[in-house]
């Protein structure tokens, strides 16, 4: 069996070879769904059922500062109202 034929067959059924990219898009879709449900993308650490999404959001901010996000990723996040700076950074603790 030709390797090219196998690859094409796998791609036709939706197989994702780049798992890192696939995970990014999974979280992005989760954040989009969160926005559709809540009207915003301000995921907090206190929401236990969204804790992984919260850390993913933090990581995207970090990755952008290090120029590790693609233009497409930045555009997708911008399109759903992603907040690159967190208001929580301005919170004064008593």
Protein backbone atom coordinates (compact mmCIF):
# COMPACT_ATOMS: atom_id res chain seq x y z
CA UNK A 1 0.00 0.00 0.00
CA UNK A 2 1.33 3.41 -0.98
CA UNK A 3 1.95 5.73 1.99
CA UNK A 4 0.41 8.67 0.11
CA UNK A 5 -2.81 6.74 -0.42
CA UNK A 6 -3.00 5.86 3.29
CA UNK A 7 -2.40 9.47 4.30
CA UNK A 8 -5.09 10.69 1.91
CA UNK A 9 -7.55 8.10 3.22
CA UNK A 10 -6.90 9.11 6.81
CA UNK A 11 -7.31 12.80 5.99
CA UNK A 12 -10.60 12.07 4.21
CA UNK A 13 -12.06 10.63 7.42
CA UNK A 14 -10.84 13.59 9.48
CA UNK A 15 -7.65 12.17 10.97
CA UNK A 16 -5.49 14.96 12.40
CA UNK A 17 -1.75 14.41 12.13
CA UNK A 18 -0.83 17.58 13.99
CA UNK A 19 -2.20 16.82 17.47
CA UNK A 20 -0.84 20.05 18.97
CA UNK A 21 -2.79 22.09 16.42
CA UNK A 22 -5.86 19.90 16.92
CA UNK A 23 -5.73 20.47 20.71
CA UNK A 24 -5.47 24.24 20.14
CA UNK A 25 -8.57 24.20 17.96
CA UNK A 26 -10.41 22.01 20.48
CA UNK A 27 -9.78 24.57 23.23
CA UNK A 28 -10.59 27.44 20.89
CA UNK A 29 -13.96 25.87 20.09
CA UNK A 30 -14.52 25.30 23.80
CA UNK A 31 -13.82 28.99 24.45
CA UNK A 32 -16.16 29.99 21.63
CA UNK A 33 -18.88 27.80 23.14
CA UNK A 34 -18.19 29.35 26.56
CA UNK A 35 -18.64 32.80 25.00
CA UNK A 36 -21.88 31.77 23.31
CA UNK A 37 -23.22 30.54 26.65
CA UNK A 38 -21.91 33.31 28.92
CA UNK A 39 -21.68 36.32 26.61
CA UNK A 40 -17.98 36.86 27.31
CA UNK A 41 -14.64 35.05 27.32
CA UNK A 42 -13.52 35.97 30.85
CA UNK A 43 -12.99 32.45 32.17
CA UNK A 44 -12.05 32.44 35.85
CA UNK A 45 -10.02 29.97 37.85
CA UNK A 46 -12.89 29.64 40.33
CA UNK A 47 -15.05 27.89 37.75
CA UNK A 48 -13.93 24.33 38.42
CA UNK A 49 -15.65 22.93 35.35
CA UNK A 50 -13.65 25.38 33.19
CA UNK A 51 -10.31 25.29 34.97
CA UNK A 52 -8.41 23.77 32.01
CA UNK A 53 -9.92 26.39 29.72
CA UNK A 54 -8.85 29.12 32.17
CA UNK A 55 -5.24 27.94 32.04
CA UNK A 56 -5.42 27.67 28.25
CA UNK A 57 -6.56 31.31 28.09
CA UNK A 58 -3.65 32.38 30.28
CA UNK A 59 -1.27 30.41 28.09
CA UNK A 60 -2.55 32.15 24.93
CA UNK A 61 -1.76 35.54 26.48
CA UNK A 62 1.72 34.31 27.35
CA UNK A 63 2.27 32.81 23.89
CA UNK A 64 1.25 36.04 22.16
CA UNK A 65 3.76 38.04 24.20
CA UNK A 66 6.43 35.58 23.04
CA UNK A 67 5.24 35.80 19.40
CA UNK A 68 4.32 32.10 19.44
CA UNK A 69 0.77 32.45 18.11
CA UNK A 70 0.12 32.48 14.39
CA UNK A 71 -1.67 35.41 12.77
CA UNK A 72 -4.61 33.08 12.17
CA UNK A 73 -4.80 32.12 15.85
CA UNK A 74 -4.67 35.76 16.92
CA UNK A 75 -7.36 36.68 14.40
CA UNK A 76 -9.63 33.82 15.53
CA UNK A 77 -9.26 34.86 19.17
CA UNK A 78 -9.81 38.54 18.32
CA UNK A 79 -12.98 37.62 16.41
CA UNK A 80 -14.58 36.14 19.54
CA UNK A 81 -13.60 39.08 21.75
CA UNK A 82 -10.54 37.55 23.42
CA UNK A 83 -9.14 39.86 26.09
CA UNK A 84 -5.37 39.97 25.75
CA UNK A 85 -4.99 41.82 29.04
CA UNK A 86 -6.78 40.50 32.09
CA UNK A 87 -8.67 42.87 34.35
CA UNK A 88 -7.76 40.51 37.17
CA UNK A 89 -4.19 41.80 36.98
CA UNK A 90 -5.52 45.14 38.25
CA UNK A 91 -7.33 43.66 41.27
CA UNK A 92 -5.99 44.96 44.56
CA UNK A 93 -6.03 42.31 47.26
CA UNK A 94 -6.98 43.41 50.78
